[in-house]
């Protein structure tokens, strides 16, 4: 499901909001989550999962074209962990603890 499908589904589920209002709310939620992640906070949505960032240290890597070593910069990487409820829903036959 892409964002536009999600917005359309929400708009039909909540008819007292028009499509533009639903789109504004979804944009606000996503922007707030992005700002939280950018500032190093953990974002958790119960029943779905959590997102958090980790800092990746600079390292020496190999340029695949020239085979020369290059220094990479440190960066933040996003990690997602599915909730137990979601994992259980996706895999009902597996015992998840």
N, C-alpha and C. Protein backbone atom coordinates (compact mmCIF):
# COMPACT_ATOMS: atom_id res chain seq x y z
N UNK A 1 0.85 -1.17 0.00
CA UNK A 1 0.00 0.00 0.00
C UNK A 1 0.90 1.23 0.00
N UNK A 2 0.62 2.15 -0.90
CA UNK A 2 1.36 3.40 -0.96
C UNK A 2 0.60 4.48 -0.20
N UNK A 3 1.27 5.61 0.02
CA UNK A 3 0.69 6.66 0.85
C UNK A 3 -0.65 7.15 0.32
N UNK A 4 -0.79 7.32 -0.99
CA UNK A 4 -2.05 7.81 -1.55
C UNK A 4 -3.19 6.81 -1.33
N UNK A 5 -2.90 5.51 -1.40
CA UNK A 5 -3.92 4.49 -1.12
C UNK A 5 -4.31 4.53 0.36
N UNK A 6 -3.33 4.73 1.22
CA UNK A 6 -3.59 4.82 2.66
C UNK A 6 -4.48 6.02 2.97
N UNK A 7 -4.19 7.15 2.35
CA UNK A 7 -4.99 8.37 2.56
C UNK A 7 -6.41 8.16 2.06
N UNK A 8 -6.56 7.54 0.89
CA UNK A 8 -7.89 7.29 0.34
C UNK A 8 -8.68 6.35 1.24
N UNK A 9 -8.02 5.34 1.78
CA UNK A 9 -8.70 4.39 2.68
C UNK A 9 -9.13 5.09 3.97
N UNK A 10 -8.27 5.93 4.53
CA UNK A 10 -8.64 6.69 5.72
C UNK A 10 -9.81 7.63 5.45
N UNK A 11 -9.80 8.27 4.28
CA UNK A 11 -10.87 9.21 3.93
C UNK A 11 -12.22 8.49 3.81
N UNK A 12 -12.22 7.27 3.30
CA UNK A 12 -13.48 6.52 3.21
C UNK A 12 -13.90 5.98 4.57
N UNK A 13 -12.93 5.66 5.42
CA UNK A 13 -13.24 5.16 6.76
C UNK A 13 -13.79 6.25 7.67
N UNK A 14 -13.31 7.48 7.47
CA UNK A 14 -13.75 8.62 8.27
C UNK A 14 -14.35 9.68 7.34
N UNK A 15 -15.62 9.51 6.95
CA UNK A 15 -16.23 10.40 5.95
C UNK A 15 -16.42 11.84 6.41
N UNK A 16 -16.36 12.10 7.72
CA UNK A 16 -16.51 13.48 8.20
C UNK A 16 -15.26 14.32 7.94
N UNK A 17 -14.16 13.70 7.50
CA UNK A 17 -12.97 14.42 7.05
C UNK A 17 -12.88 14.31 5.54
N UNK A 18 -12.56 15.41 4.87
CA UNK A 18 -12.38 15.31 3.42
C UNK A 18 -10.96 14.84 3.11
N UNK A 19 -10.72 14.54 1.84
CA UNK A 19 -9.44 13.98 1.39
C UNK A 19 -8.27 14.90 1.77
N UNK A 20 -8.43 16.20 1.61
CA UNK A 20 -7.36 17.14 1.92
C UNK A 20 -7.03 17.16 3.41
N UNK A 21 -8.04 17.08 4.26
CA UNK A 21 -7.81 17.07 5.70
C UNK A 21 -7.06 15.81 6.11
N UNK A 22 -7.47 14.67 5.55
CA UNK A 22 -6.80 13.40 5.87
C UNK A 22 -5.35 13.46 5.39
N UNK A 23 -5.14 13.99 4.20
CA UNK A 23 -3.78 14.09 3.68
C UNK A 23 -2.92 14.98 4.57
N UNK A 24 -3.47 16.08 5.06
CA UNK A 24 -2.73 16.97 5.97
C UNK A 24 -2.36 16.26 7.26
N UNK A 25 -3.30 15.47 7.79
CA UNK A 25 -3.03 14.74 9.03
C UNK A 25 -1.94 13.69 8.83
N UNK A 26 -2.01 12.95 7.73
CA UNK A 26 -1.00 11.93 7.45
C UNK A 26 0.37 12.59 7.26
N UNK A 27 0.41 13.69 6.52
CA UNK A 27 1.67 14.42 6.33
C UNK A 27 2.24 14.90 7.66
N UNK A 28 1.36 15.39 8.55
CA UNK A 28 1.80 15.85 9.86
C UNK A 28 2.41 14.71 10.67
N UNK A 29 1.75 13.56 10.67
CA UNK A 29 2.25 12.39 11.42
C UNK A 29 3.61 11.97 10.88
N UNK A 30 3.73 11.86 9.56
CA UNK A 30 5.00 11.43 8.97
C UNK A 30 6.11 12.44 9.21
N UNK A 31 5.78 13.73 9.12
CA UNK A 31 6.78 14.78 9.37
C UNK A 31 7.24 14.74 10.83
N UNK A 32 6.30 14.54 11.76
CA UNK A 32 6.63 14.47 13.18
C UNK A 32 7.52 13.26 13.47
N UNK A 33 7.19 12.12 12.85
CA UNK A 33 8.01 10.92 13.03
C UNK A 33 9.42 11.15 12.48
N UNK A 34 9.51 11.78 11.31
CA UNK A 34 10.82 12.05 10.70
C UNK A 34 11.66 12.98 11.56
N UNK A 35 11.03 14.02 12.11
CA UNK A 35 11.77 14.95 12.97
C UNK A 35 12.24 14.24 14.24
N UNK A 36 11.42 13.36 14.79
CA UNK A 36 11.82 12.61 15.97
C UNK A 36 13.02 11.72 15.68
N UNK A 37 12.98 11.01 14.55
CA UNK A 37 14.10 10.16 14.18
C UNK A 37 15.36 10.99 13.92
N UNK A 38 15.20 12.12 13.26
CA UNK A 38 16.35 12.99 12.96
C UNK A 38 17.01 13.51 14.23
N UNK A 39 16.21 13.70 15.29
CA UNK A 39 16.78 14.20 16.54
C UNK A 39 17.24 13.06 17.46
N UNK A 40 17.21 11.82 16.96
CA UNK A 40 17.73 10.69 17.72
C UNK A 40 16.73 9.99 18.60
N UNK A 41 15.46 10.34 18.49
CA UNK A 41 14.44 9.70 19.31
C UNK A 41 13.94 8.42 18.66
N UNK A 42 13.39 7.55 19.48
CA UNK A 42 12.79 6.30 19.03
C UNK A 42 11.31 6.56 18.76
N UNK A 43 10.79 6.02 17.65
CA UNK A 43 9.38 6.17 17.31
C UNK A 43 8.73 4.80 17.41
N UNK A 44 7.71 4.69 18.26
CA UNK A 44 7.04 3.41 18.46
C UNK A 44 5.55 3.56 18.17
N UNK A 45 5.03 2.66 17.35
CA UNK A 45 3.60 2.59 17.08
C UNK A 45 3.16 1.21 17.56
N UNK A 46 2.44 1.19 18.67
CA UNK A 46 2.02 -0.07 19.27
C UNK A 46 1.24 -0.91 18.27
N UNK A 47 1.56 -2.18 18.20
CA UNK A 47 0.89 -3.09 17.29
C UNK A 47 1.53 -3.14 15.91
N UNK A 48 2.40 -2.17 15.60
CA UNK A 48 3.06 -2.14 14.29
C UNK A 48 4.56 -2.36 14.44
N UNK A 49 5.21 -1.57 15.28
CA UNK A 49 6.64 -1.73 15.47
C UNK A 49 7.29 -0.43 15.90
N UNK A 50 8.61 -0.44 15.90
CA UNK A 50 9.35 0.75 16.31
C UNK A 50 10.46 1.04 15.31
N UNK A 51 10.78 2.32 15.21
CA UNK A 51 11.86 2.81 14.37
C UNK A 51 12.87 3.52 15.25
N UNK A 52 14.14 3.31 14.99
CA UNK A 52 15.17 4.05 15.70
C UNK A 52 16.40 4.17 14.81
N UNK A 53 17.28 5.07 15.17
CA UNK A 53 18.48 5.27 14.38
C UNK A 53 19.70 4.82 15.17
N UNK A 54 20.73 4.43 14.43
CA UNK A 54 22.03 4.12 15.01
C UNK A 54 23.06 4.88 14.20
N UNK A 55 24.12 5.29 14.89
CA UNK A 55 25.20 5.99 14.20
C UNK A 55 26.18 4.96 13.65
N UNK A 56 26.46 5.06 12.37
CA UNK A 56 27.44 4.20 11.72
C UNK A 56 28.76 4.97 11.67
N UNK A 57 29.82 4.38 12.20
CA UNK A 57 31.12 5.05 12.26
C UNK A 57 31.74 5.18 10.87
N UNK A 58 32.58 6.19 10.68
CA UNK A 58 33.34 6.28 9.43
C UNK A 58 34.25 5.06 9.31
N UNK A 59 34.50 4.64 8.07
CA UNK A 59 35.36 3.47 7.88
C UNK A 59 36.09 3.58 6.55
N UNK A 60 37.04 2.70 6.36
CA UNK A 60 37.77 2.63 5.09
C UNK A 60 37.04 1.61 4.22
N UNK A 61 36.66 2.04 3.00
CA UNK A 61 35.98 1.16 2.05
C UNK A 61 36.79 1.13 0.76
N UNK A 62 36.38 0.26 -0.15
CA UNK A 62 37.09 0.12 -1.42
C UNK A 62 36.23 0.70 -2.54
N UNK A 63 36.83 1.58 -3.35
CA UNK A 63 36.15 2.08 -4.54
C UNK A 63 36.10 0.93 -5.55
N UNK A 64 34.91 0.48 -5.96
CA UNK A 64 34.84 -0.70 -6.83
C UNK A 64 35.42 -0.47 -8.23
N UNK A 65 35.47 0.77 -8.70
CA UNK A 65 36.01 1.03 -10.04
C UNK A 65 37.53 1.12 -10.04
N UNK A 66 38.08 1.84 -9.07
CA UNK A 66 39.53 2.06 -9.05
C UNK A 66 40.27 1.11 -8.11
N UNK A 67 39.53 0.43 -7.25
CA UNK A 67 40.10 -0.47 -6.25
C UNK A 67 40.98 0.27 -5.25
N UNK A 68 40.79 1.57 -5.11
CA UNK A 68 41.56 2.35 -4.14
C UNK A 68 40.73 2.50 -2.87
N UNK A 69 41.41 2.53 -1.72
CA UNK A 69 40.66 2.73 -0.48
C UNK A 69 40.15 4.17 -0.37
N UNK A 70 38.96 4.31 0.15
CA UNK A 70 38.37 5.63 0.37
C UNK A 70 37.81 5.67 1.79
N UNK A 71 37.78 6.86 2.34
CA UNK A 71 37.24 7.06 3.69
C UNK A 71 35.75 7.40 3.56
N UNK A 72 34.89 6.62 4.22
CA UNK A 72 33.46 6.94 4.22
C UNK A 72 33.17 7.83 5.41
N UNK A 73 32.10 8.59 5.32
CA UNK A 73 31.69 9.45 6.42
C UNK A 73 30.78 8.66 7.36
N UNK A 74 30.73 9.10 8.60
CA UNK A 74 29.77 8.54 9.54
C UNK A 74 28.38 8.97 9.13
N UNK A 75 27.39 8.17 9.48
CA UNK A 75 26.01 8.51 9.11
C UNK A 75 25.04 7.85 10.06
N UNK A 76 23.80 8.26 9.98
CA UNK A 76 22.75 7.62 10.76
C UNK A 76 22.03 6.63 9.87
N UNK A 77 21.67 5.49 10.44
CA UNK A 77 20.96 4.46 9.71
C UNK A 77 19.67 4.16 10.47
N UNK A 78 18.57 3.97 9.73
CA UNK A 78 17.28 3.71 10.35
C UNK A 78 17.07 2.20 10.46
N UNK A 79 16.60 1.78 11.62
CA UNK A 79 16.27 0.38 11.86
C UNK A 79 14.80 0.27 12.24
N UNK A 80 14.16 -0.80 11.77
CA UNK A 80 12.76 -1.06 12.08
C UNK A 80 12.66 -2.42 12.75
N UNK A 81 11.87 -2.48 13.80
CA UNK A 81 11.62 -3.75 14.47
C UNK A 81 10.11 -3.92 14.57
N UNK A 82 9.61 -5.00 13.99
CA UNK A 82 8.17 -5.28 14.02
C UNK A 82 7.75 -5.67 15.43
N UNK A 83 6.52 -5.31 15.79
CA UNK A 83 6.00 -5.67 17.11
C UNK A 83 5.68 -7.16 17.16
N UNK A 84 5.56 -7.68 18.37
CA UNK A 84 5.19 -9.09 18.53
C UNK A 84 3.84 -9.37 17.91
N UNK A 85 2.90 -8.43 18.07
CA UNK A 85 1.56 -8.60 17.51
C UNK A 85 1.62 -8.72 15.99
N UNK A 86 2.40 -7.88 15.33
CA UNK A 86 2.52 -7.93 13.88
C UNK A 86 3.20 -9.22 13.44
N UNK A 87 4.27 -9.61 14.14
CA UNK A 87 4.95 -10.86 13.80
C UNK A 87 4.04 -12.06 13.96
N UNK A 88 3.21 -12.04 15.02
CA UNK A 88 2.26 -13.13 15.26
C UNK A 88 1.18 -13.15 14.17
N UNK A 89 0.74 -11.97 13.74
CA UNK A 89 -0.26 -11.88 12.68
C UNK A 89 0.29 -12.42 11.36
N UNK A 90 1.54 -12.11 11.07
CA UNK A 90 2.15 -12.56 9.82
C UNK A 90 2.52 -14.04 9.86
N UNK A 91 2.84 -14.56 11.04
CA UNK A 91 3.26 -15.95 11.20
C UNK A 91 2.46 -16.62 12.31
N UNK A 92 1.17 -16.92 12.08
CA UNK A 92 0.33 -17.45 13.16
C UNK A 92 0.75 -18.84 13.64
N UNK A 93 1.44 -19.60 12.79
CA UNK A 93 1.83 -20.96 13.15
C UNK A 93 3.14 -21.03 13.93
N UNK A 94 3.84 -19.91 14.07
CA UNK A 94 5.13 -19.88 14.77
C UNK A 94 4.94 -19.25 16.14
N UNK A 95 5.51 -19.89 17.17
CA UNK A 95 5.43 -19.33 18.52
C UNK A 95 6.46 -18.21 18.66
N UNK A 96 5.98 -17.00 18.89
CA UNK A 96 6.85 -15.82 19.02
C UNK A 96 6.84 -15.36 20.46
N UNK A 97 8.02 -15.32 21.08
CA UNK A 97 8.14 -14.86 22.47
C UNK A 97 8.84 -13.56 22.54
